[in-house]
Amino acid sequence: MIKMDVLTQVLNRGISNSEQRSTLASSDAAGITASDNKSGIKAEVGIHVDISPLGLQKSKNAGRDEDIDESELPDDVKNSLKAIRNQQEELEEKREELQKLMNNNAMPAEEKEQKIKQLQAEIGNLVRAVADAKTQLLSSMQEQGLSDQQIQKAMMLMD
């Protein structure tokens, strides 16, 4: 078995990495230009589709967990890894929200301070939740008797 201090170091590194990681996403839709040779008019040709927030989330996550699904880990470990990723993603979203709020100079100072404190509390709770989930997963894997290789794979998939 992997020594507990080595596992703790890997776990702490993963927590530290998740706290530092910031995800920026942007999406652009490019139109196709068609021209009418007779009149010289150019018009955009394309299709506009609105997708519900739930649909967007599902499509965003569709390929995200493919590496977990393809691993040869027990299903409960895979589900825990996916839950940890979801918590990490929520944590990043809250951090981005806090950053935007801190840069917002149009909001009254008292309201801004109250919202900042609320977001900081939510971020603190999420950081603890991620750390607890990782610790519980590690303990669970050891109790299940997973091989060192499987534990290392799971730790790698956590980051």
C-alpha atoms as a PDB file:
ATOM      1  CA  MET A   1       0.000   0.000   0.000  1.00  0.00           C
ATOM      2  CA  ILE A   2       1.045   3.593  -0.529  1.00  0.00           C
ATOM      3  CA  LYS A   3       2.204   5.226   2.669  1.00  0.00           C
ATOM      4  CA  MET A   4      -0.318   7.562   4.261  1.00  0.00           C
ATOM      5  CA  ASP A   5       2.051  10.580   4.246  1.00  0.00           C
ATOM      6  CA  VAL A   6       2.579  10.212   0.491  1.00  0.00           C
ATOM      7  CA  LEU A   7      -1.188  10.057  -0.051  1.00  0.00           C
ATOM      8  CA  THR A   8      -1.645  13.119   2.131  1.00  0.00           C
ATOM      9  CA  GLN A   9       0.938  15.013   0.085  1.00  0.00           C
ATOM     10  CA  VAL A  10      -0.790  14.079  -3.162  1.00  0.00           C
ATOM     11  CA  LEU A  11      -4.158  15.043  -1.696  1.00  0.00           C
ATOM     12  CA  ASN A  12      -2.845  18.398  -0.461  1.00  0.00           C
ATOM     13  CA  ARG A  13      -1.267  19.081  -3.852  1.00  0.00           C
ATOM     14  CA  GLY A  14      -4.584  18.363  -5.525  1.00  0.00           C
ATOM     15  CA  ILE A  15      -6.438  20.695  -3.165  1.00  0.00           C
ATOM     16  CA  SER A  16      -3.853  23.395  -3.716  1.00  0.00           C
ATOM     17  CA  ASN A  17      -4.102  22.976  -7.491  1.00  0.00           C
ATOM     18  CA  SER A  18      -7.892  23.171  -7.433  1.00  0.00           C
ATOM     19  CA  GLU A  19      -7.737  26.369  -5.408  1.00  0.00           C
ATOM     20  CA  GLN A  20      -5.379  27.997  -7.911  1.00  0.00           C
ATOM     21  CA  ARG A  21      -7.017  26.797 -11.084  1.00  0.00           C
ATOM     22  CA  SER A  22      -9.208  29.230 -12.928  1.00  0.00           C
ATOM     23  CA  THR A  23     -11.275  28.334 -15.878  1.00  0.00           C
ATOM     24  CA  LEU A  24     -12.172  30.859 -18.513  1.00  0.00           C
ATOM     25  CA  ALA A  25     -14.607  29.846 -21.166  1.00  0.00           C
ATOM     26  CA  SER A  26     -15.909  31.771 -24.111  1.00  0.00           C
ATOM     27  CA  SER A  27     -17.931  30.794 -27.067  1.00  0.00           C
ATOM     28  CA  ASP A  28     -18.312  32.579 -30.349  1.00  0.00           C
ATOM     29  CA  ALA A  29     -20.695  31.763 -33.143  1.00  0.00           C
ATOM     30  CA  ALA A  30     -19.394  32.605 -36.593  1.00  0.00           C
ATOM     31  CA  GLY A  31     -21.864  33.464 -39.320  1.00  0.00           C
ATOM     32  CA  ILE A  32     -21.479  32.500 -42.926  1.00  0.00           C
ATOM     33  CA  THR A  33     -21.576  35.339 -45.424  1.00  0.00           C
ATOM     34  CA  ALA A  34     -23.295  34.862 -48.738  1.00  0.00           C
ATOM     35  CA  SER A  35     -23.305  37.476 -51.456  1.00  0.00           C
ATOM     36  CA  ASP A  36     -25.832  38.229 -54.136  1.00  0.00           C
ATOM     37  CA  ASN A  37     -23.826  38.890 -57.310  1.00  0.00           C
ATOM     38  CA  LYS A  38     -26.565  41.020 -58.920  1.00  0.00           C
ATOM     39  CA  SER A  39     -27.134  43.500 -56.104  1.00  0.00           C
ATOM     40  CA  GLY A  40     -23.852  43.220 -54.183  1.00  0.00           C
ATOM     41  CA  ILE A  41     -25.785  42.602 -50.945  1.00  0.00           C
ATOM     42  CA  LYS A  42     -24.154  40.455 -48.315  1.00  0.00           C
ATOM     43  CA  ALA A  43     -26.338  38.598 -45.860  1.00  0.00           C
ATOM     44  CA  GLU A  44     -25.525  36.296 -42.982  1.00  0.00           C
ATOM     45  CA  VAL A  45     -26.768  32.797 -43.476  1.00  0.00           C
ATOM     46  CA  GLY A  46     -26.978  30.441 -40.527  1.00  0.00           C
ATOM     47  CA  ILE A  47     -29.064  28.875 -37.849  1.00  0.00           C
ATOM     48  CA  HIS A  48     -29.663  30.213 -34.363  1.00  0.00           C
ATOM     49  CA  VAL A  49     -30.398  27.669 -31.639  1.00  0.00           C
ATOM     50  CA  ASP A  50     -31.235  28.412 -28.013  1.00  0.00           C
ATOM     51  CA  ILE A  51     -30.282  25.685 -25.561  1.00  0.00           C
ATOM     52  CA  SER A  52     -31.631  25.528 -22.029  1.00  0.00           C
ATOM     53  CA  PRO A  53     -29.174  26.006 -19.134  1.00  0.00           C
ATOM     54  CA  LEU A  54     -29.559  22.314 -18.255  1.00  0.00           C
ATOM     55  CA  GLY A  55     -28.820  21.339 -21.854  1.00  0.00           C
ATOM     56  CA  LEU A  56     -25.750  23.586 -21.895  1.00  0.00           C
ATOM     57  CA  GLN A  57     -24.479  22.018 -18.684  1.00  0.00           C
ATOM     58  CA  LYS A  58     -25.011  18.491 -20.004  1.00  0.00           C
ATOM     59  CA  SER A  59     -23.259  19.225 -23.286  1.00  0.00           C
ATOM     60  CA  LYS A  60     -20.402  20.920 -21.446  1.00  0.00           C
ATOM     61  CA  ASN A  61     -19.961  17.892 -19.175  1.00  0.00           C
ATOM     62  CA  ALA A  62     -20.423  15.284 -21.928  1.00  0.00           C
ATOM     63  CA  GLY A  63     -16.747  14.855 -22.741  1.00  0.00           C
ATOM     64  CA  ARG A  64     -15.410  16.182 -19.464  1.00  0.00           C
ATOM     65  CA  ASP A  65     -15.732  12.907 -17.564  1.00  0.00           C
ATOM     66  CA  GLU A  66     -14.776  10.593 -20.407  1.00  0.00           C
ATOM     67  CA  ASP A  67     -11.400   9.861 -18.821  1.00  0.00           C
ATOM     68  CA  ILE A  68     -13.113   8.831 -15.586  1.00  0.00           C
ATOM     69  CA  ASP A  69     -15.638   6.633 -17.401  1.00  0.00           C
ATOM     70  CA  GLU A  70     -12.872   4.880 -19.336  1.00  0.00           C
ATOM     71  CA  SER A  71     -10.792   4.154 -16.237  1.00  0.00           C
ATOM     72  CA  GLU A  72     -10.941   0.724 -14.701  1.00  0.00           C
ATOM     73  CA  LEU A  73     -12.016   2.023 -11.312  1.00  0.00           C
ATOM     74  CA  PRO A  74     -15.078   0.839  -9.369  1.00  0.00           C
ATOM     75  CA  ASP A  75     -18.293   2.693 -10.193  1.00  0.00           C
ATOM     76  CA  ASP A  76     -18.569   4.281  -6.745  1.00  0.00           C
ATOM     77  CA  VAL A  77     -15.057   5.725  -7.126  1.00  0.00           C
ATOM     78  CA  LYS A  78     -15.946   7.035 -10.605  1.00  0.00           C
ATOM     79  CA  ASN A  79     -19.097   8.672  -9.223  1.00  0.00           C
ATOM     80  CA  SER A  80     -17.113  10.259  -6.388  1.00  0.00           C
ATOM     81  CA  LEU A  81     -14.544  11.606  -8.851  1.00  0.00           C
ATOM     82  CA  LYS A  82     -17.307  13.138 -10.971  1.00  0.00           C
ATOM     83  CA  ALA A  83     -18.880  14.703  -7.873  1.00  0.00           C
ATOM     84  CA  ILE A  84     -15.507  16.169  -6.896  1.00  0.00           C
ATOM     85  CA  ARG A  85     -15.111  17.651 -10.382  1.00  0.00           C
ATOM     86  CA  ASN A  86     -18.570  19.181 -10.111  1.00  0.00           C
ATOM     87  CA  GLN A  87     -17.666  20.733  -6.761  1.00  0.00           C
ATOM     88  CA  GLN A  88     -14.379  22.042  -8.167  1.00  0.00           C
ATOM     89  CA  GLU A  89     -16.232  23.555 -11.120  1.00  0.00           C
ATOM     90  CA  GLU A  90     -18.745  25.217  -8.804  1.00  0.00           C
ATOM     91  CA  LEU A  91     -15.837  26.541  -6.734  1.00  0.00           C
ATOM     92  CA  GLU A  92     -14.241  28.091  -9.817  1.00  0.00           C
ATOM     93  CA  GLU A  93     -17.547  29.680 -10.814  1.00  0.00           C
ATOM     94  CA  LYS A  94     -17.909  31.223  -7.349  1.00  0.00           C
ATOM     95  CA  ARG A  95     -14.343  32.559  -7.514  1.00  0.00           C
ATOM     96  CA  GLU A  96     -15.041  34.139 -10.895  1.00  0.00           C
ATOM     97  CA  GLU A  97     -18.267  35.614  -9.529  1.00  0.00           C
ATOM     98  CA  LEU A  98     -16.335  37.050  -6.559  1.00  0.00           C
ATOM     99  CA  GLN A  99     -13.717  38.548  -8.872  1.00  0.00           C
ATOM    100  CA  LYS A 100     -16.403  40.212 -11.002  1.00  0.00           C
ATOM    101  CA  LEU A 101     -18.096  41.533  -7.884  1.00  0.00           C
ATOM    102  CA  MET A 102     -14.848  42.953  -6.547  1.00  0.00           C
ATOM    103  CA  ASN A 103     -14.290  44.756  -9.857  1.00  0.00           C
ATOM    104  CA  ASN A 104     -17.835  46.166  -9.839  1.00  0.00           C
ATOM    105  CA  ASN A 105     -17.555  49.815  -8.805  1.00  0.00           C
ATOM    106  CA  ALA A 106     -21.172  50.687  -9.616  1.00  0.00           C
ATOM    107  CA  MET A 107     -22.615  48.798  -6.643  1.00  0.00           C
ATOM    108  CA  PRO A 108     -23.125  50.588  -3.307  1.00  0.00           C
ATOM    109  CA  ALA A 109     -20.249  49.837  -0.894  1.00  0.00           C
ATOM    110  CA  GLU A 110     -22.394  48.247   1.841  1.00  0.00           C
ATOM    111  CA  GLU A 111     -24.219  45.962  -0.572  1.00  0.00           C
ATOM    112  CA  LYS A 112     -20.953  45.034  -2.258  1.00  0.00           C
ATOM    113  CA  GLU A 113     -19.278  44.228   1.063  1.00  0.00           C
ATOM    114  CA  GLN A 114     -22.222  42.064   2.142  1.00  0.00           C
ATOM    115  CA  LYS A 115     -22.211  40.121  -1.133  1.00  0.00           C
ATOM    116  CA  ILE A 116     -18.427  39.700  -0.981  1.00  0.00           C
ATOM    117  CA  LYS A 117     -18.685  38.238   2.534  1.00  0.00           C
ATOM    118  CA  GLN A 118     -21.447  35.896   1.382  1.00  0.00           C
ATOM    119  CA  LEU A 119     -19.423  34.689  -1.610  1.00  0.00           C
ATOM    120  CA  GLN A 120     -16.302  34.254   0.520  1.00  0.00           C
ATOM    121  CA  ALA A 121     -18.306  32.092   2.927  1.00  0.00           C
ATOM    122  CA  GLU A 122     -19.656  30.014   0.022  1.00  0.00           C
ATOM    123  CA  ILE A 123     -16.141  29.620  -1.381  1.00  0.00           C
ATOM    124  CA  GLY A 124     -14.834  28.555   2.026  1.00  0.00           C
ATOM    125  CA  ASN A 125     -17.594  25.969   2.314  1.00  0.00           C
ATOM    126  CA  LEU A 126     -16.847  24.636  -1.172  1.00  0.00           C
ATOM    127  CA  VAL A 127     -13.097  24.413  -0.461  1.00  0.00           C
ATOM    128  CA  ARG A 128     -13.857  22.388   2.681  1.00  0.00           C
ATOM    129  CA  ALA A 129     -16.371  20.227   0.793  1.00  0.00           C
ATOM    130  CA  VAL A 130     -13.821  19.422  -1.930  1.00  0.00           C
ATOM    131  CA  ALA A 131     -11.156  18.616   0.658  1.00  0.00           C
ATOM    132  CA  ASP A 132     -13.578  16.428   2.638  1.00  0.00           C
ATOM    133  CA  ALA A 133     -14.741  14.627  -0.515  1.00  0.00           C
ATOM    134  CA  LYS A 134     -11.145  13.908  -1.524  1.00  0.00           C
ATOM    135  CA  THR A 135     -10.291  12.643   1.959  1.00  0.00           C
ATOM    136  CA  GLN A 136     -13.391  10.427   2.058  1.00  0.00           C
ATOM    137  CA  LEU A 137     -12.621   9.051  -1.392  1.00  0.00           C
ATOM    138  CA  LEU A 138      -9.065   8.242  -0.372  1.00  0.00           C
ATOM    139  CA  SER A 139     -10.244   6.439   2.754  1.00  0.00           C
ATOM    140  CA  SER A 140     -12.896   4.592   0.771  1.00  0.00           C
ATOM    141  CA  MET A 141     -10.355   3.429  -1.819  1.00  0.00           C
ATOM    142  CA  GLN A 142      -8.045   2.144   0.899  1.00  0.00           C
ATOM    143  CA  GLU A 143     -10.903   0.320   2.646  1.00  0.00           C
ATOM    144  CA  GLN A 144     -11.924  -1.284  -0.659  1.00  0.00           C
ATOM    145  CA  GLY A 145      -8.390  -2.561  -1.112  1.00  0.00           C
ATOM    146  CA  LEU A 146      -7.725  -0.834  -4.421  1.00  0.00           C
ATOM    147  CA  SER A 147      -4.267  -1.393  -5.831  1.00  0.00           C
ATOM    148  CA  ASP A 148      -1.607   1.307  -5.628  1.00  0.00           C
ATOM    149  CA  GLN A 149      -1.972   1.793  -9.376  1.00  0.00           C
ATOM    150  CA  GLN A 150      -5.744   2.309  -9.092  1.00  0.00           C
ATOM    151  CA  ILE A 151      -5.308   4.803  -6.237  1.00  0.00           C
ATOM    152  CA  GLN A 152      -2.708   6.726  -8.233  1.00  0.00           C
ATOM    153  CA  LYS A 153      -5.018   6.776 -11.263  1.00  0.00           C
ATOM    154  CA  ALA A 154      -7.873   8.115  -9.132  1.00  0.00           C
ATOM    155  CA  MET A 155      -5.606  10.783  -7.615  1.00  0.00           C
ATOM    156  CA  MET A 156      -4.529  11.819 -11.109  1.00  0.00           C
ATOM    157  CA  LEU A 157      -8.154  12.054 -12.260  1.00  0.00           C
ATOM    158  CA  MET A 158      -8.970  14.264  -9.276  1.00  0.00           C
ATOM    159  CA  ASP A 159      -6.815  17.115 -10.575  1.00  0.00           C
END
